[in-house]
């Protein structure tokens, strides 16, 4: 199950949403379409930044997988991540 929630007024200038995905059963080939945004993801594997994708990507999700992400607006992640956005693509 995929969900998106607004970030609220304090982060609205920089972020589009907070999202989460959970799977009760394994999922093969979950499609993620390019949106020009950089996300920070948190899962049992840890914290990671994901750059703006240029093409659709497909991911396998394990049974009981749970990931939470913060989607930055285009061009806004660099101020928080202190890295050139091109290095994350």
PDB file of N, CA and C in Angstrom:
ATOM      1  N   UNK A   1       0.845  -1.172   0.000  1.00  0.00           N
ATOM      2  CA  UNK A   1       0.000   0.000   0.000  1.00  0.00           C
ATOM      3  C   UNK A   1       0.898   1.245   0.000  1.00  0.00           C
ATOM      4  N   UNK A   2       0.635   2.147  -0.931  1.00  0.00           N
ATOM      5  CA  UNK A   2       1.393   3.397  -1.066  1.00  0.00           C
ATOM      6  C   UNK A   2       0.519   4.552  -0.600  1.00  0.00           C
ATOM      7  N   UNK A   3       1.105   5.460   0.214  1.00  0.00           N
ATOM      8  CA  UNK A   3       0.372   6.630   0.716  1.00  0.00           C
ATOM      9  C   UNK A   3       1.247   7.866   0.629  1.00  0.00           C
ATOM     10  N   UNK A   4       0.617   9.001   0.380  1.00  0.00           N
ATOM     11  CA  UNK A   4       1.290  10.306   0.428  1.00  0.00           C
ATOM     12  C   UNK A   4       0.532  11.214   1.380  1.00  0.00           C
ATOM     13  N   UNK A   5       1.298  12.028   2.127  1.00  0.00           N
ATOM     14  CA  UNK A   5       0.698  13.000   3.032  1.00  0.00           C
ATOM     15  C   UNK A   5       1.405  14.335   2.851  1.00  0.00           C
ATOM     16  N   UNK A   6       0.686  15.446   2.993  1.00  0.00           N
ATOM     17  CA  UNK A   6       1.342  16.752   2.908  1.00  0.00           C
ATOM     18  C   UNK A   6       2.344  16.919   4.044  1.00  0.00           C
ATOM     19  N   UNK A   7       3.350  17.747   3.809  1.00  0.00           N
ATOM     20  CA  UNK A   7       4.388  17.964   4.827  1.00  0.00           C
ATOM     21  C   UNK A   7       4.007  19.015   5.854  1.00  0.00           C
ATOM     22  N   UNK A   8       3.082  19.848   5.540  1.00  0.00           N
ATOM     23  CA  UNK A   8       2.679  20.909   6.459  1.00  0.00           C
ATOM     24  C   UNK A   8       3.409  22.207   6.157  1.00  0.00           C
ATOM     25  N   UNK A   9       2.943  23.313   6.725  1.00  0.00           N
ATOM     26  CA  UNK A   9       3.458  24.635   6.408  1.00  0.00           C
ATOM     27  C   UNK A   9       4.952  24.826   6.648  1.00  0.00           C
ATOM     28  N   UNK A  10       5.511  24.205   7.663  1.00  0.00           N
ATOM     29  CA  UNK A  10       6.920  24.414   7.993  1.00  0.00           C
ATOM     30  C   UNK A  10       7.869  23.917   6.910  1.00  0.00           C
ATOM     31  N   UNK A  11       7.488  22.874   6.183  1.00  0.00           N
ATOM     32  CA  UNK A  11       8.352  22.303   5.136  1.00  0.00           C
ATOM     33  C   UNK A  11       7.811  22.468   3.725  1.00  0.00           C
ATOM     34  N   UNK A  12       6.646  23.050   3.595  1.00  0.00           N
ATOM     35  CA  UNK A  12       5.975  23.114   2.295  1.00  0.00           C
ATOM     36  C   UNK A  12       6.821  23.768   1.201  1.00  0.00           C
ATOM     37  N   UNK A  13       7.634  24.740   1.547  1.00  0.00           N
ATOM     38  CA  UNK A  13       8.481  25.410   0.547  1.00  0.00           C
ATOM     39  C   UNK A  13       9.504  24.451  -0.049  1.00  0.00           C
ATOM     40  N   UNK A  14       9.996  23.494   0.734  1.00  0.00           N
ATOM     41  CA  UNK A  14      11.083  22.622   0.312  1.00  0.00           C
ATOM     42  C   UNK A  14      10.643  21.221  -0.105  1.00  0.00           C
ATOM     43  N   UNK A  15       9.563  20.735   0.458  1.00  0.00           N
ATOM     44  CA  UNK A  15       9.173  19.342   0.218  1.00  0.00           C
ATOM     45  C   UNK A  15       7.751  19.237  -0.310  1.00  0.00           C
ATOM     46  N   UNK A  16       7.549  18.255  -1.173  1.00  0.00           N
ATOM     47  CA  UNK A  16       6.215  18.013  -1.742  1.00  0.00           C
ATOM     48  C   UNK A  16       5.353  17.161  -0.824  1.00  0.00           C
ATOM     49  N   UNK A  17       5.946  16.108  -0.244  1.00  0.00           N
ATOM     50  CA  UNK A  17       5.145  15.206   0.577  1.00  0.00           C
ATOM     51  C   UNK A  17       6.037  14.270   1.376  1.00  0.00           C
ATOM     52  N   UNK A  18       5.418  13.615   2.316  1.00  0.00           N
ATOM     53  CA  UNK A  18       5.988  12.459   3.003  1.00  0.00           C
ATOM     54  C   UNK A  18       5.203  11.277   2.462  1.00  0.00           C
ATOM     55  N   UNK A  19       5.903  10.227   2.105  1.00  0.00           N
ATOM     56  CA  UNK A  19       5.220   9.062   1.547  1.00  0.00           C
ATOM     57  C   UNK A  19       5.678   7.804   2.266  1.00  0.00           C
ATOM     58  N   UNK A  20       4.872   6.765   2.144  1.00  0.00           N
ATOM     59  CA  UNK A  20       5.254   5.477   2.716  1.00  0.00           C
ATOM     60  C   UNK A  20       4.719   4.366   1.825  1.00  0.00           C
ATOM     61  N   UNK A  21       5.419   3.259   1.866  1.00  0.00           N
ATOM     62  CA  UNK A  21       4.973   2.073   1.147  1.00  0.00           C
ATOM     63  C   UNK A  21       5.181   0.876   2.058  1.00  0.00           C
ATOM     64  N   UNK A  22       4.166   0.034   2.125  1.00  0.00           N
ATOM     65  CA  UNK A  22       4.211  -1.184   2.921  1.00  0.00           C
ATOM     66  C   UNK A  22       3.704  -2.335   2.067  1.00  0.00           C
ATOM     67  N   UNK A  23       4.261  -3.511   2.306  1.00  0.00           N
ATOM     68  CA  UNK A  23       3.794  -4.679   1.564  1.00  0.00           C
ATOM     69  C   UNK A  23       3.563  -5.837   2.527  1.00  0.00           C
ATOM     70  N   UNK A  24       2.357  -6.374   2.520  1.00  0.00           N
ATOM     71  CA  UNK A  24       2.052  -7.545   3.341  1.00  0.00           C
ATOM     72  C   UNK A  24       2.676  -8.791   2.724  1.00  0.00           C
ATOM     73  N   UNK A  25       2.732  -8.818   1.411  1.00  0.00           N
ATOM     74  CA  UNK A  25       3.311  -9.932   0.655  1.00  0.00           C
ATOM     75  C   UNK A  25       4.418  -9.393  -0.243  1.00  0.00           C
ATOM     76  N   UNK A  26       5.307 -10.245  -0.728  1.00  0.00           N
ATOM     77  CA  UNK A  26       6.364  -9.780  -1.640  1.00  0.00           C
ATOM     78  C   UNK A  26       5.761  -9.157  -2.908  1.00  0.00           C
ATOM     79  N   UNK A  27       6.397  -8.113  -3.393  1.00  0.00           N
ATOM     80  CA  UNK A  27       5.973  -7.451  -4.625  1.00  0.00           C
ATOM     81  C   UNK A  27       7.160  -7.428  -5.569  1.00  0.00           C
ATOM     82  N   UNK A  28       6.949  -7.879  -6.783  1.00  0.00           N
ATOM     83  CA  UNK A  28       8.014  -7.866  -7.788  1.00  0.00           C
ATOM     84  C   UNK A  28       7.732  -6.764  -8.802  1.00  0.00           C
ATOM     85  N   UNK A  29       8.726  -5.945  -9.082  1.00  0.00           N
ATOM     86  CA  UNK A  29       8.628  -4.952 -10.140  1.00  0.00           C
ATOM     87  C   UNK A  29       7.741  -3.765  -9.848  1.00  0.00           C
ATOM     88  N   UNK A  30       7.707  -3.295  -8.611  1.00  0.00           N
ATOM     89  CA  UNK A  30       6.933  -2.080  -8.281  1.00  0.00           C
ATOM     90  C   UNK A  30       7.508  -0.912  -9.081  1.00  0.00           C
ATOM     91  N   UNK A  31       6.680  -0.279  -9.899  1.00  0.00           N
ATOM     92  CA  UNK A  31       7.135   0.794 -10.794  1.00  0.00           C
ATOM     93  C   UNK A  31       7.200   2.135 -10.071  1.00  0.00           C
ATOM     94  N   UNK A  32       8.319   2.836 -10.264  1.00  0.00           N
ATOM     95  CA  UNK A  32       8.486   4.199  -9.761  1.00  0.00           C
ATOM     96  C   UNK A  32       8.832   5.067 -10.965  1.00  0.00           C
ATOM     97  N   UNK A  33       7.947   5.995 -11.279  1.00  0.00           N
ATOM     98  CA  UNK A  33       8.130   6.853 -12.455  1.00  0.00           C
ATOM     99  C   UNK A  33       8.981   8.069 -12.114  1.00  0.00           C
ATOM    100  N   UNK A  34       9.745   8.565 -13.083  1.00  0.00           N
ATOM    101  CA  UNK A  34      10.570   9.752 -12.824  1.00  0.00           C
ATOM    102  C   UNK A  34       9.699  10.975 -12.558  1.00  0.00           C
ATOM    103  N   UNK A  35      10.114  11.790 -11.571  1.00  0.00           N
ATOM    104  CA  UNK A  35       9.339  12.989 -11.234  1.00  0.00           C
ATOM    105  C   UNK A  35      10.213  14.228 -11.053  1.00  0.00           C
ATOM    106  N   UNK A  36      11.523  14.094 -11.290  1.00  0.00           N
ATOM    107  CA  UNK A  36      12.414  15.244 -11.162  1.00  0.00           C
ATOM    108  C   UNK A  36      12.747  15.614  -9.731  1.00  0.00           C
ATOM    109  N   UNK A  37      12.386  14.765  -8.777  1.00  0.00           N
ATOM    110  CA  UNK A  37      12.588  15.080  -7.369  1.00  0.00           C
ATOM    111  C   UNK A  37      13.643  14.170  -6.738  1.00  0.00           C
ATOM    112  N   UNK A  38      14.239  14.666  -5.671  1.00  0.00           N
ATOM    113  CA  UNK A  38      15.160  13.891  -4.852  1.00  0.00           C
ATOM    114  C   UNK A  38      14.411  13.509  -3.581  1.00  0.00           C
ATOM    115  N   UNK A  39      14.594  12.268  -3.149  1.00  0.00           N
ATOM    116  CA  UNK A  39      13.929  11.768  -1.950  1.00  0.00           C
ATOM    117  C   UNK A  39      14.956  11.304  -0.922  1.00  0.00           C
ATOM    118  N   UNK A  40      14.594  11.433   0.337  1.00  0.00           N
ATOM    119  CA  UNK A  40      15.317  10.781   1.419  1.00  0.00           C
ATOM    120  C   UNK A  40      14.433   9.626   1.865  1.00  0.00           C
ATOM    121  N   UNK A  41      15.003   8.421   1.928  1.00  0.00           N
ATOM    122  CA  UNK A  41      14.254   7.223   2.293  1.00  0.00           C
ATOM    123  C   UNK A  41      14.771   6.666   3.612  1.00  0.00           C
ATOM    124  N   UNK A  42      13.839   6.161   4.409  1.00  0.00           N
ATOM    125  CA  UNK A  42      14.209   5.444   5.616  1.00  0.00           C
ATOM    126  C   UNK A  42      13.528   4.087   5.589  1.00  0.00           C
ATOM    127  N   UNK A  43      14.312   3.039   5.778  1.00  0.00           N
ATOM    128  CA  UNK A  43      13.807   1.672   5.816  1.00  0.00           C
ATOM    129  C   UNK A  43      14.671   0.884   6.791  1.00  0.00           C
ATOM    130  N   UNK A  44      14.347  -0.387   7.029  1.00  0.00           N
ATOM    131  CA  UNK A  44      15.214  -1.194   7.900  1.00  0.00           C
ATOM    132  C   UNK A  44      16.662  -1.258   7.397  1.00  0.00           C
ATOM    133  N   UNK A  45      16.877  -1.021   6.108  1.00  0.00           N
ATOM    134  CA  UNK A  45      18.235  -1.012   5.548  1.00  0.00           C
ATOM    135  C   UNK A  45      18.994   0.265   5.926  1.00  0.00           C
ATOM    136  N   UNK A  46      18.298   1.279   6.438  1.00  0.00           N
ATOM    137  CA  UNK A  46      18.948   2.519   6.832  1.00  0.00           C
ATOM    138  C   UNK A  46      18.394   3.722   6.093  1.00  0.00           C
ATOM    139  N   UNK A  47      19.141   4.796   6.144  1.00  0.00           N
ATOM    140  CA  UNK A  47      18.770   6.071   5.544  1.00  0.00           C
ATOM    141  C   UNK A  47      19.544   6.252   4.256  1.00  0.00           C
ATOM    142  N   UNK A  48      18.869   6.688   3.200  1.00  0.00           N
ATOM    143  CA  UNK A  48      19.561   6.937   1.935  1.00  0.00           C
ATOM    144  C   UNK A  48      18.887   8.061   1.164  1.00  0.00           C
ATOM    145  N   UNK A  49      19.671   8.722   0.331  1.00  0.00           N
ATOM    146  CA  UNK A  49      19.148   9.741  -0.576  1.00  0.00           C
ATOM    147  C   UNK A  49      19.077   9.123  -1.967  1.00  0.00           C
ATOM    148  N   UNK A  50      17.992   9.406  -2.666  1.00  0.00           N
ATOM    149  CA  UNK A  50      17.790   8.893  -4.021  1.00  0.00           C
ATOM    150  C   UNK A  50      17.637  10.083  -4.944  1.00  0.00           C
ATOM    151  N   UNK A  51      18.470  10.135  -5.967  1.00  0.00           N
ATOM    152  CA  UNK A  51      18.455  11.252  -6.903  1.00  0.00           C
ATOM    153  C   UNK A  51      17.279  11.220  -7.861  1.00  0.00           C
ATOM    154  N   UNK A  52      17.140  12.305  -8.598  1.00  0.00           N
ATOM    155  CA  UNK A  52      16.078  12.413  -9.592  1.00  0.00           C
ATOM    156  C   UNK A  52      16.308  11.373 -10.685  1.00  0.00           C
ATOM    157  N   UNK A  53      15.306  10.565 -10.933  1.00  0.00           N
ATOM    158  CA  UNK A  53      15.417   9.520 -11.951  1.00  0.00           C
ATOM    159  C   UNK A  53      15.098  10.092 -13.325  1.00  0.00           C
ATOM    160  N   UNK A  54      15.735   9.555 -14.334  1.00  0.00           N
ATOM    161  CA  UNK A  54      15.480   9.993 -15.710  1.00  0.00           C
ATOM    162  C   UNK A  54      14.630   8.984 -16.470  1.00  0.00           C
ATOM    163  N   UNK A  55      14.413   7.813 -15.879  1.00  0.00           N
ATOM    164  CA  UNK A  55      13.548   6.808 -16.503  1.00  0.00           C
ATOM    165  C   UNK A  55      12.881   5.992 -15.399  1.00  0.00           C
ATOM    166  N   UNK A  56      11.802   5.309 -15.771  1.00  0.00           N
ATOM    167  CA  UNK A  56      11.095   4.484 -14.795  1.00  0.00           C
ATOM    168  C   UNK A  56      12.016   3.400 -14.247  1.00  0.00           C
ATOM    169  N   UNK A  57      11.917   3.178 -12.947  1.00  0.00           N
ATOM    170  CA  UNK A  57      12.681   2.124 -12.275  1.00  0.00           C
ATOM    171  C   UNK A  57      11.695   1.146 -11.653  1.00  0.00           C
ATOM    172  N   UNK A  58      12.093  -0.102 -11.545  1.00  0.00           N
ATOM    173  CA  UNK A  58      11.255  -1.123 -10.914  1.00  0.00           C
ATOM    174  C   UNK A  58      12.012  -1.733  -9.739  1.00  0.00           C
ATOM    175  N   UNK A  59      11.286  -1.922  -8.644  1.00  0.00           N
ATOM    176  CA  UNK A  59      11.884  -2.419  -7.417  1.00  0.00           C
ATOM    177  C   UNK A  59      11.082  -3.602  -6.890  1.00  0.00           C
ATOM    178  N   UNK A  60      11.781  -4.555  -6.312  1.00  0.00           N
ATOM    179  CA  UNK A  60      11.146  -5.666  -5.624  1.00  0.00           C
ATOM    180  C   UNK A  60      11.045  -5.310  -4.149  1.00  0.00           C
ATOM    181  N   UNK A  61       9.896  -5.605  -3.554  1.00  0.00           N
ATOM    182  CA  UNK A  61       9.678  -5.345  -2.131  1.00  0.00           C
ATOM    183  C   UNK A  61       9.487  -6.673  -1.416  1.00  0.00           C
ATOM    184  N   UNK A  62      10.189  -6.847  -0.327  1.00  0.00           N
ATOM    185  CA  UNK A  62      10.076  -8.067   0.459  1.00  0.00           C
ATOM    186  C   UNK A  62       8.755  -8.082   1.234  1.00  0.00           C
ATOM    187  N   UNK A  63       8.376  -9.247   1.667  1.00  0.00           N
ATOM    188  CA  UNK A  63       7.197  -9.389   2.524  1.00  0.00           C
ATOM    189  C   UNK A  63       7.398  -8.538   3.775  1.00  0.00           C
ATOM    190  N   UNK A  64       6.396  -7.785   4.139  1.00  0.00           N
ATOM    191  CA  UNK A  64       6.401  -6.893   5.306  1.00  0.00           C
ATOM    192  C   UNK A  64       7.416  -5.754   5.174  1.00  0.00           C
ATOM    193  N   UNK A  65       7.770  -5.390   3.957  1.00  0.00           N
ATOM    194  CA  UNK A  65       8.656  -4.241   3.738  1.00  0.00           C
ATOM    195  C   UNK A  65       7.930  -2.968   4.143  1.00  0.00           C
ATOM    196  N   UNK A  66       8.681  -2.011   4.667  1.00  0.00           N
ATOM    197  CA  UNK A  66       8.112  -0.715   5.039  1.00  0.00           C
ATOM    198  C   UNK A  66       9.175   0.345   4.820  1.00  0.00           C
ATOM    199  N   UNK A  67       8.884   1.288   3.949  1.00  0.00           N
ATOM    200  CA  UNK A  67       9.798   2.382   3.655  1.00  0.00           C
ATOM    201  C   UNK A  67       9.029   3.696   3.774  1.00  0.00           C
ATOM    202  N   UNK A  68       9.682   4.703   4.330  1.00  0.00           N
ATOM    203  CA  UNK A  68       9.110   6.045   4.463  1.00  0.00           C
ATOM    204  C   UNK A  68      10.049   7.000   3.738  1.00  0.00           C
ATOM    205  N   UNK A  69       9.484   7.960   3.016  1.00  0.00           N
ATOM    206  CA  UNK A  69      10.309   8.907   2.281  1.00  0.00           C
ATOM    207  C   UNK A  69       9.823  10.340   2.400  1.00  0.00           C
ATOM    208  N   UNK A  70      10.760  11.250   2.205  1.00  0.00           N
ATOM    209  CA  UNK A  70      10.464  12.681   2.112  1.00  0.00           C
ATOM    210  C   UNK A  70      10.848  13.099   0.704  1.00  0.00           C
ATOM    211  N   UNK A  71       9.877  13.591  -0.074  1.00  0.00           N
ATOM    212  CA  UNK A  71      10.133  14.010  -1.452  1.00  0.00           C
ATOM    213  C   UNK A  71      10.322  15.518  -1.496  1.00  0.00           C
ATOM    214  N   UNK A  72      11.549  15.935  -1.841  1.00  0.00           N
ATOM    215  CA  UNK A  72      11.848  17.357  -1.991  1.00  0.00           C
ATOM    216  C   UNK A  72      11.267  17.891  -3.289  1.00  0.00           C
ATOM    217  N   UNK A  73      10.958  19.151  -3.302  1.00  0.00           N
ATOM    218  CA  UNK A  73      10.565  19.815  -4.550  1.00  0.00           C
ATOM    219  C   UNK A  73      11.814  19.922  -5.429  1.00  0.00           C
ATOM    220  N   UNK A  74      11.643  19.963  -6.762  1.00  0.00           N
ATOM    221  CA  UNK A  74      12.817  20.079  -7.643  1.00  0.00           C
ATOM    222  C   UNK A  74      13.698  21.267  -7.249  1.00  0.00           C
ATOM    223  N   UNK A  75      14.998  20.998  -7.129  1.00  0.00           N
ATOM    224  CA  UNK A  75      15.975  22.040  -6.826  1.00  0.00           C
ATOM    225  C   UNK A  75      16.122  22.403  -5.365  1.00  0.00           C
ATOM    226  N   UNK A  76      15.368  21.769  -4.467  1.00  0.00           N
ATOM    227  CA  UNK A  76      15.389  22.186  -3.060  1.00  0.00           C
ATOM    228  C   UNK A  76      16.192  21.269  -2.140  1.00  0.00           C
ATOM    229  N   UNK A  77      16.586  20.106  -2.580  1.00  0.00           N
ATOM    230  CA  UNK A  77      17.260  19.150  -1.695  1.00  0.00           C
ATOM    231  C   UNK A  77      18.678  19.559  -1.340  1.00  0.00           C
ATOM    232  N   UNK A  78      19.369  20.238  -2.228  1.00  0.00           N
ATOM    233  CA  UNK A  78      20.785  20.567  -2.007  1.00  0.00           C
ATOM    234  C   UNK A  78      21.006  21.349  -0.719  1.00  0.00           C
ATOM    235  N   UNK A  79      20.095  22.218  -0.358  1.00  0.00           N
ATOM    236  CA  UNK A  79      20.239  23.011   0.862  1.00  0.00           C
ATOM    237  C   UNK A  79      20.247  22.128   2.111  1.00  0.00           C
ATOM    238  N   UNK A  80      19.573  20.984   2.058  1.00  0.00           N
ATOM    239  CA  UNK A  80      19.507  20.082   3.202  1.00  0.00           C
ATOM    240  C   UNK A  80      20.594  19.012   3.159  1.00  0.00           C
ATOM    241  N   UNK A  81      20.884  18.507   1.975  1.00  0.00           N
ATOM    242  CA  UNK A  81      21.810  17.383   1.843  1.00  0.00           C
ATOM    243  C   UNK A  81      23.266  17.814   1.725  1.00  0.00           C
ATOM    244  N   UNK A  82      23.496  19.075   1.385  1.00  0.00           N
ATOM    245  CA  UNK A  82      24.847  19.626   1.230  1.00  0.00           C
ATOM    246  C   UNK A  82      25.693  18.812   0.253  1.00  0.00           C
ATOM    247  N   UNK A  83      25.055  18.443  -0.854  1.00  0.00           N
ATOM    248  CA  UNK A  83      25.728  17.721  -1.922  1.00  0.00           C
ATOM    249  C   UNK A  83      25.116  18.198  -3.238  1.00  0.00           C
ATOM    250  N   UNK A  84      25.905  18.216  -4.266  1.00  0.00           N
ATOM    251  CA  UNK A  84      25.399  18.593  -5.573  1.00  0.00           C
ATOM    252  C   UNK A  84      24.382  17.555  -6.025  1.00  0.00           C
ATOM    253  N   UNK A  85      23.201  18.011  -6.403  1.00  0.00           N
ATOM    254  CA  UNK A  85      22.130  17.094  -6.786  1.00  0.00           C
ATOM    255  C   UNK A  85      22.534  16.146  -7.912  1.00  0.00           C
ATOM    256  N   UNK A  86      23.383  16.587  -8.832  1.00  0.00           N
ATOM    257  CA  UNK A  86      23.815  15.744  -9.956  1.00  0.00           C
ATOM    258  C   UNK A  86      24.557  14.509  -9.461  1.00  0.00           C
ATOM    259  N   UNK A  87      25.184  14.589  -8.292  1.00  0.00           N
ATOM    260  CA  UNK A  87      25.913  13.436  -7.755  1.00  0.00           C
ATOM    261  C   UNK A  87      24.974  12.322  -7.312  1.00  0.00           C
ATOM    262  N   UNK A  88      23.696  12.623  -7.121  1.00  0.00           N
ATOM    263  CA  UNK A  88      22.726  11.623  -6.659  1.00  0.00           C
ATOM    264  C   UNK A  88      21.956  10.960  -7.799  1.00  0.00           C
ATOM    265  N   UNK A  89      22.022  11.508  -8.991  1.00  0.00           N
ATOM    266  CA  UNK A  89      21.248  10.941 -10.106  1.00  0.00           C
ATOM    267  C   UNK A  89      21.788   9.600 -10.527  1.00  0.00           C
TER     268      UNK A  89
END
